[in-house]
Every structure is written in structure tokens, then in C-alpha cells.
Amino acid sequence: MTEHKDDCWSCGYWLRGLTSDRCPECGNFPKPPKPELPHFDIAIRAKHVILLVLLMALLLGAALT
């Protein structure tokens, strides 16, 4: 049993302080919290920058030969 900290996603029933795994009003399970990935955007941008730099180096090398 876990303590819920939000409203029920289905009916809006206040679940704070309840120790059951289901909403007492509608019987649905509360949604689990979404995992936060704060550096996910930075990792994607870094990969794009690296690919862009490699492509530029390849094009520059081809132009010089």
C-alpha cells in the first residue's frame, strides 16, 4: 500500500492520505508519476551537434580533395 498525493485521474476524488491502492469513489488505480528526464533534451541536442560537425568535416574533406 502506498500513500497517494493527488486527485484520482478518473473521477477527481481527493486521494491524499489514503492508504489503499484504489480510489474509493470509482475503484480505479491512480496513474503512476511520469519519470522526469531533465537532461534528455540536452542529450538529443548534443547528438545532433556531433552529427552535424561530422557531416561538415566529411563535406569539407571531400571539397578539399
PDB file of N, CA and C in Angstrom:
ATOM      1  N   MET A   1       0.836  -1.178   0.000  1.00  0.00           N
ATOM      2  CA  MET A   1       0.000   0.000   0.000  1.00  0.00           C
ATOM      3  C   MET A   1       0.888   1.250   0.000  1.00  0.00           C
ATOM      4  N   THR A   2       0.518   2.189  -0.830  1.00  0.00           N
ATOM      5  CA  THR A   2       1.281   3.431  -0.900  1.00  0.00           C
ATOM      6  C   THR A   2       0.374   4.605  -0.599  1.00  0.00           C
ATOM      7  N   GLU A   3       0.966   5.671  -0.132  1.00  0.00           N
ATOM      8  CA  GLU A   3       0.185   6.872   0.142  1.00  0.00           C
ATOM      9  C   GLU A   3       0.120   7.711  -1.126  1.00  0.00           C
ATOM     10  N   HIS A   4      -1.086   8.077  -1.564  1.00  0.00           N
ATOM     11  CA  HIS A   4      -1.270   8.843  -2.790  1.00  0.00           C
ATOM     12  C   HIS A   4      -1.231  10.326  -2.468  1.00  0.00           C
ATOM     13  N   LYS A   5      -0.779  11.135  -3.434  1.00  0.00           N
ATOM     14  CA  LYS A   5      -0.611  12.558  -3.187  1.00  0.00           C
ATOM     15  C   LYS A   5      -1.389  13.415  -4.172  1.00  0.00           C
ATOM     16  N   ASP A   6      -2.311  12.872  -4.901  1.00  0.00           N
ATOM     17  CA  ASP A   6      -3.022  13.637  -5.917  1.00  0.00           C
ATOM     18  C   ASP A   6      -4.498  13.285  -5.951  1.00  0.00           C
ATOM     19  N   ASP A   7      -5.172  13.894  -6.900  1.00  0.00           N
ATOM     20  CA  ASP A   7      -6.567  13.550  -7.168  1.00  0.00           C
ATOM     21  C   ASP A   7      -6.602  12.308  -8.052  1.00  0.00           C
ATOM     22  N   CYS A   8      -7.728  11.616  -8.019  1.00  0.00           N
ATOM     23  CA  CYS A   8      -7.924  10.480  -8.911  1.00  0.00           C
ATOM     24  C   CYS A   8      -7.986  11.005 -10.346  1.00  0.00           C
ATOM     25  N   TRP A   9      -7.295  10.349 -11.252  1.00  0.00           N
ATOM     26  CA  TRP A   9      -7.274  10.799 -12.644  1.00  0.00           C
ATOM     27  C   TRP A   9      -8.610  10.586 -13.334  1.00  0.00           C
ATOM     28  N   SER A  10      -9.435   9.687 -12.808  1.00  0.00           N
ATOM     29  CA  SER A  10     -10.699   9.354 -13.450  1.00  0.00           C
ATOM     30  C   SER A  10     -11.864  10.200 -12.933  1.00  0.00           C
ATOM     31  N   CYS A  11     -12.024  10.243 -11.612  1.00  0.00           N
ATOM     32  CA  CYS A  11     -13.198  10.928 -11.060  1.00  0.00           C
ATOM     33  C   CYS A  11     -12.856  12.201 -10.294  1.00  0.00           C
ATOM     34  N   GLY A  12     -11.579  12.446 -10.021  1.00  0.00           N
ATOM     35  CA  GLY A  12     -11.186  13.657  -9.316  1.00  0.00           C
ATOM     36  C   GLY A  12     -11.266  13.564  -7.804  1.00  0.00           C
ATOM     37  N   TYR A  13     -11.518  12.387  -7.275  1.00  0.00           N
ATOM     38  CA  TYR A  13     -11.620  12.205  -5.821  1.00  0.00           C
ATOM     39  C   TYR A  13     -10.274  12.505  -5.176  1.00  0.00           C
ATOM     40  N   TRP A  14     -10.296  13.208  -4.053  1.00  0.00           N
ATOM     41  CA  TRP A  14      -9.077  13.580  -3.337  1.00  0.00           C
ATOM     42  C   TRP A  14      -8.489  12.347  -2.667  1.00  0.00           C
ATOM     43  N   LEU A  15      -7.273  11.962  -3.058  1.00  0.00           N
ATOM     44  CA  LEU A  15      -6.672  10.725  -2.572  1.00  0.00           C
ATOM     45  C   LEU A  15      -5.585  10.941  -1.528  1.00  0.00           C
ATOM     46  N   ARG A  16      -5.277  12.169  -1.192  1.00  0.00           N
ATOM     47  CA  ARG A  16      -4.186  12.432  -0.250  1.00  0.00           C
ATOM     48  C   ARG A  16      -4.495  11.817   1.110  1.00  0.00           C
ATOM     49  N   GLY A  17      -3.535  11.071   1.625  1.00  0.00           N
ATOM     50  CA  GLY A  17      -3.681  10.459   2.933  1.00  0.00           C
ATOM     51  C   GLY A  17      -4.296   9.076   2.919  1.00  0.00           C
ATOM     52  N   LEU A  18      -4.843   8.647   1.791  1.00  0.00           N
ATOM     53  CA  LEU A  18      -5.419   7.303   1.717  1.00  0.00           C
ATOM     54  C   LEU A  18      -4.302   6.275   1.592  1.00  0.00           C
ATOM     55  N   THR A  19      -4.524   5.119   2.145  1.00  0.00           N
ATOM     56  CA  THR A  19      -3.502   4.072   2.084  1.00  0.00           C
ATOM     57  C   THR A  19      -3.901   2.904   1.196  1.00  0.00           C
ATOM     58  N   SER A  20      -5.049   2.979   0.545  1.00  0.00           N
ATOM     59  CA  SER A  20      -5.456   1.892  -0.352  1.00  0.00           C
ATOM     60  C   SER A  20      -4.828   2.105  -1.727  1.00  0.00           C
ATOM     61  N   ASP A  21      -4.794   1.048  -2.521  1.00  0.00           N
ATOM     62  CA  ASP A  21      -4.224   1.129  -3.858  1.00  0.00           C
ATOM     63  C   ASP A  21      -5.247   1.556  -4.905  1.00  0.00           C
ATOM     64  N   ARG A  22      -6.503   1.699  -4.513  1.00  0.00           N
ATOM     65  CA  ARG A  22      -7.563   2.087  -5.447  1.00  0.00           C
ATOM     66  C   ARG A  22      -8.320   3.298  -4.924  1.00  0.00           C
ATOM     67  N   CYS A  23      -8.935   4.015  -5.840  1.00  0.00           N
ATOM     68  CA  CYS A  23      -9.787   5.141  -5.473  1.00  0.00           C
ATOM     69  C   CYS A  23     -11.063   4.587  -4.833  1.00  0.00           C
ATOM     70  N   PRO A  24     -11.467   5.088  -3.655  1.00  0.00           N
ATOM     71  CA  PRO A  24     -12.681   4.568  -3.027  1.00  0.00           C
ATOM     72  C   PRO A  24     -13.953   4.992  -3.758  1.00  0.00           C
ATOM     73  N   GLU A  25     -13.883   6.019  -4.576  1.00  0.00           N
ATOM     74  CA  GLU A  25     -15.060   6.521  -5.291  1.00  0.00           C
ATOM     75  C   GLU A  25     -15.351   5.706  -6.557  1.00  0.00           C
ATOM     76  N   CYS A  26     -14.326   5.512  -7.402  1.00  0.00           N
ATOM     77  CA  CYS A  26     -14.562   4.844  -8.688  1.00  0.00           C
ATOM     78  C   CYS A  26     -13.849   3.497  -8.814  1.00  0.00           C
ATOM     79  N   GLY A  27     -12.891   3.198  -7.935  1.00  0.00           N
ATOM     80  CA  GLY A  27     -12.205   1.914  -7.956  1.00  0.00           C
ATOM     81  C   GLY A  27     -11.010   1.834  -8.881  1.00  0.00           C
ATOM     82  N   ASN A  28     -10.677   2.930  -9.575  1.00  0.00           N
ATOM     83  CA  ASN A  28      -9.524   2.916 -10.481  1.00  0.00           C
ATOM     84  C   ASN A  28      -8.216   3.035  -9.715  1.00  0.00           C
ATOM     85  N   PHE A  29      -7.162   2.503 -10.315  1.00  0.00           N
ATOM     86  CA  PHE A  29      -5.825   2.675  -9.764  1.00  0.00           C
ATOM     87  C   PHE A  29      -5.322   4.067 -10.149  1.00  0.00           C
ATOM     88  N   PRO A  30      -4.610   4.730  -9.269  1.00  0.00           N
ATOM     89  CA  PRO A  30      -4.052   6.027  -9.654  1.00  0.00           C
ATOM     90  C   PRO A  30      -2.932   5.839 -10.670  1.00  0.00           C
ATOM     91  N   LYS A  31      -2.749   6.828 -11.537  1.00  0.00           N
ATOM     92  CA  LYS A  31      -1.677   6.753 -12.523  1.00  0.00           C
ATOM     93  C   LYS A  31      -0.333   6.920 -11.823  1.00  0.00           C
ATOM     94  N   PRO A  32       0.661   6.148 -12.230  1.00  0.00           N
ATOM     95  CA  PRO A  32       1.988   6.343 -11.648  1.00  0.00           C
ATOM     96  C   PRO A  32       2.586   7.653 -12.157  1.00  0.00           C
ATOM     97  N   PRO A  33       3.462   8.277 -11.386  1.00  0.00           N
ATOM     98  CA  PRO A  33       4.060   9.530 -11.851  1.00  0.00           C
ATOM     99  C   PRO A  33       4.953   9.288 -13.063  1.00  0.00           C
ATOM    100  N   LYS A  34       4.982  10.261 -13.968  1.00  0.00           N
ATOM    101  CA  LYS A  34       5.825  10.152 -15.152  1.00  0.00           C
ATOM    102  C   LYS A  34       7.279  10.377 -14.741  1.00  0.00           C
ATOM    103  N   PRO A  35       8.173   9.567 -15.257  1.00  0.00           N
ATOM    104  CA  PRO A  35       9.585   9.791 -14.929  1.00  0.00           C
ATOM    105  C   PRO A  35      10.074  11.083 -15.563  1.00  0.00           C
ATOM    106  N   GLU A  36      10.833  11.833 -14.819  1.00  0.00           N
ATOM    107  CA  GLU A  36      11.358  13.093 -15.328  1.00  0.00           C
ATOM    108  C   GLU A  36      12.773  12.875 -15.838  1.00  0.00           C
ATOM    109  N   LEU A  37      13.011  13.319 -17.042  1.00  0.00           N
ATOM    110  CA  LEU A  37      14.330  13.233 -17.644  1.00  0.00           C
ATOM    111  C   LEU A  37      14.780  14.651 -18.002  1.00  0.00           C
ATOM    112  N   PRO A  38      15.319  15.391 -17.044  1.00  0.00           N
ATOM    113  CA  PRO A  38      15.629  16.796 -17.300  1.00  0.00           C
ATOM    114  C   PRO A  38      16.729  17.004 -18.326  1.00  0.00           C
ATOM    115  N   HIS A  39      17.626  16.044 -18.497  1.00  0.00           N
ATOM    116  CA  HIS A  39      18.743  16.227 -19.410  1.00  0.00           C
ATOM    117  C   HIS A  39      18.528  15.500 -20.731  1.00  0.00           C
ATOM    118  N   PHE A  40      17.320  15.011 -20.973  1.00  0.00           N
ATOM    119  CA  PHE A  40      17.038  14.270 -22.196  1.00  0.00           C
ATOM    120  C   PHE A  40      17.177  15.172 -23.420  1.00  0.00           C
ATOM    121  N   ASP A  41      16.644  16.403 -23.362  1.00  0.00           N
ATOM    122  CA  ASP A  41      16.760  17.344 -24.473  1.00  0.00           C
ATOM    123  C   ASP A  41      18.214  17.668 -24.764  1.00  0.00           C
ATOM    124  N   ILE A  42      19.006  17.829 -23.721  1.00  0.00           N
ATOM    125  CA  ILE A  42      20.415  18.167 -23.896  1.00  0.00           C
ATOM    126  C   ILE A  42      21.148  17.033 -24.604  1.00  0.00           C
ATOM    127  N   ALA A  43      20.833  15.794 -24.240  1.00  0.00           N
ATOM    128  CA  ALA A  43      21.485  14.652 -24.878  1.00  0.00           C
ATOM    129  C   ALA A  43      21.131  14.573 -26.357  1.00  0.00           C
ATOM    130  N   ILE A  44      19.883  14.831 -26.700  1.00  0.00           N
ATOM    131  CA  ILE A  44      19.467  14.798 -28.107  1.00  0.00           C
ATOM    132  C   ILE A  44      20.154  15.914 -28.879  1.00  0.00           C
ATOM    133  N   ARG A  45      20.203  17.111 -28.308  1.00  0.00           N
ATOM    134  CA  ARG A  45      20.865  18.227 -28.986  1.00  0.00           C
ATOM    135  C   ARG A  45      22.348  17.946 -29.179  1.00  0.00           C
ATOM    136  N   ALA A  46      22.984  17.359 -28.175  1.00  0.00           N
ATOM    137  CA  ALA A  46      24.410  17.047 -28.290  1.00  0.00           C
ATOM    138  C   ALA A  46      24.654  16.051 -29.422  1.00  0.00           C
ATOM    139  N   LYS A  47      23.800  15.057 -29.557  1.00  0.00           N
ATOM    140  CA  LYS A  47      23.948  14.089 -30.645  1.00  0.00           C
ATOM    141  C   LYS A  47      23.782  14.769 -31.996  1.00  0.00           C
ATOM    142  N   HIS A  48      22.820  15.678 -32.111  1.00  0.00           N
ATOM    143  CA  HIS A  48      22.609  16.388 -33.369  1.00  0.00           C
ATOM    144  C   HIS A  48      23.806  17.259 -33.707  1.00  0.00           C
ATOM    145  N   VAL A  49      24.373  17.921 -32.716  1.00  0.00           N
ATOM    146  CA  VAL A  49      25.543  18.766 -32.952  1.00  0.00           C
ATOM    147  C   VAL A  49      26.723  17.915 -33.403  1.00  0.00           C
ATOM    148  N   ILE A  50      26.930  16.782 -32.756  1.00  0.00           N
ATOM    149  CA  ILE A  50      28.037  15.899 -33.135  1.00  0.00           C
ATOM    150  C   ILE A  50      27.850  15.393 -34.563  1.00  0.00           C
ATOM    151  N   LEU A  51      26.636  14.984 -34.906  1.00  0.00           N
ATOM    152  CA  LEU A  51      26.379  14.518 -36.271  1.00  0.00           C
ATOM    153  C   LEU A  51      26.577  15.634 -37.287  1.00  0.00           C
ATOM    154  N   LEU A  52      26.162  16.842 -36.952  1.00  0.00           N
ATOM    155  CA  LEU A  52      26.332  17.975 -37.851  1.00  0.00           C
ATOM    156  C   LEU A  52      27.813  18.289 -38.054  1.00  0.00           C
ATOM    157  N   VAL A  53      28.595  18.263 -36.987  1.00  0.00           N
ATOM    158  CA  VAL A  53      30.034  18.522 -37.097  1.00  0.00           C
ATOM    159  C   VAL A  53      30.711  17.443 -37.940  1.00  0.00           C
ATOM    160  N   LEU A  54      30.344  16.189 -37.742  1.00  0.00           N
ATOM    161  CA  LEU A  54      30.924  15.111 -38.547  1.00  0.00           C
ATOM    162  C   LEU A  54      30.555  15.251 -40.022  1.00  0.00           C
ATOM    163  N   LEU A  55      29.327  15.625 -40.300  1.00  0.00           N
ATOM    164  CA  LEU A  55      28.894  15.826 -41.678  1.00  0.00           C
ATOM    165  C   LEU A  55      29.646  16.984 -42.319  1.00  0.00           C
ATOM    166  N   MET A  56      29.817  18.073 -41.580  1.00  0.00           N
ATOM    167  CA  MET A  56      30.557  19.231 -42.103  1.00  0.00           C
ATOM    168  C   MET A  56      32.011  18.851 -42.390  1.00  0.00           C
ATOM    169  N   ALA A  57      32.621  18.073 -41.481  1.00  0.00           N
ATOM    170  CA  ALA A  57      34.005  17.644 -41.692  1.00  0.00           C
ATOM    171  C   ALA A  57      34.105  16.746 -42.917  1.00  0.00           C
ATOM    172  N   LEU A  58      33.138  15.877 -43.099  1.00  0.00           N
ATOM    173  CA  LEU A  58      33.130  14.996 -44.265  1.00  0.00           C
ATOM    174  C   LEU A  58      32.984  15.802 -45.552  1.00  0.00           C
ATOM    175  N   LEU A  59      32.080  16.763 -45.562  1.00  0.00           N
ATOM    176  CA  LEU A  59      31.886  17.603 -46.746  1.00  0.00           C
ATOM    177  C   LEU A  59      33.109  18.467 -47.022  1.00  0.00           C
ATOM    178  N   LEU A  60      33.712  19.001 -45.992  1.00  0.00           N
ATOM    179  CA  LEU A  60      34.906  19.823 -46.159  1.00  0.00           C
ATOM    180  C   LEU A  60      36.065  18.979 -46.680  1.00  0.00           C
ATOM    181  N   GLY A  61      36.199  17.770 -46.137  1.00  0.00           N
ATOM    182  CA  GLY A  61      37.252  16.867 -46.620  1.00  0.00           C
ATOM    183  C   GLY A  61      37.045  16.486 -48.071  1.00  0.00           C
ATOM    184  N   ALA A  62      35.805  16.275 -48.475  1.00  0.00           N
ATOM    185  CA  ALA A  62      35.513  15.925 -49.864  1.00  0.00           C
ATOM    186  C   ALA A  62      35.756  17.116 -50.782  1.00  0.00           C
ATOM    187  N   ALA A  63      35.500  18.325 -50.298  1.00  0.00           N
ATOM    188  CA  ALA A  63      35.698  19.516 -51.119  1.00  0.00           C
ATOM    189  C   ALA A  63      37.178  19.827 -51.301  1.00  0.00           C
ATOM    190  N   LEU A  64      38.001  19.483 -50.332  1.00  0.00           N
ATOM    191  CA  LEU A  64      39.428  19.783 -50.410  1.00  0.00           C
ATOM    192  C   LEU A  64      40.197  18.779 -51.256  1.00  0.00           C
ATOM    193  N   THR A  65      39.622  17.619 -51.515  1.00  0.00           N
ATOM    194  CA  THR A  65      40.352  16.619 -52.304  1.00  0.00           C
ATOM    195  C   THR A  65      40.052  16.722 -53.772  1.00  0.00           C
TER     196      THR A  65
END
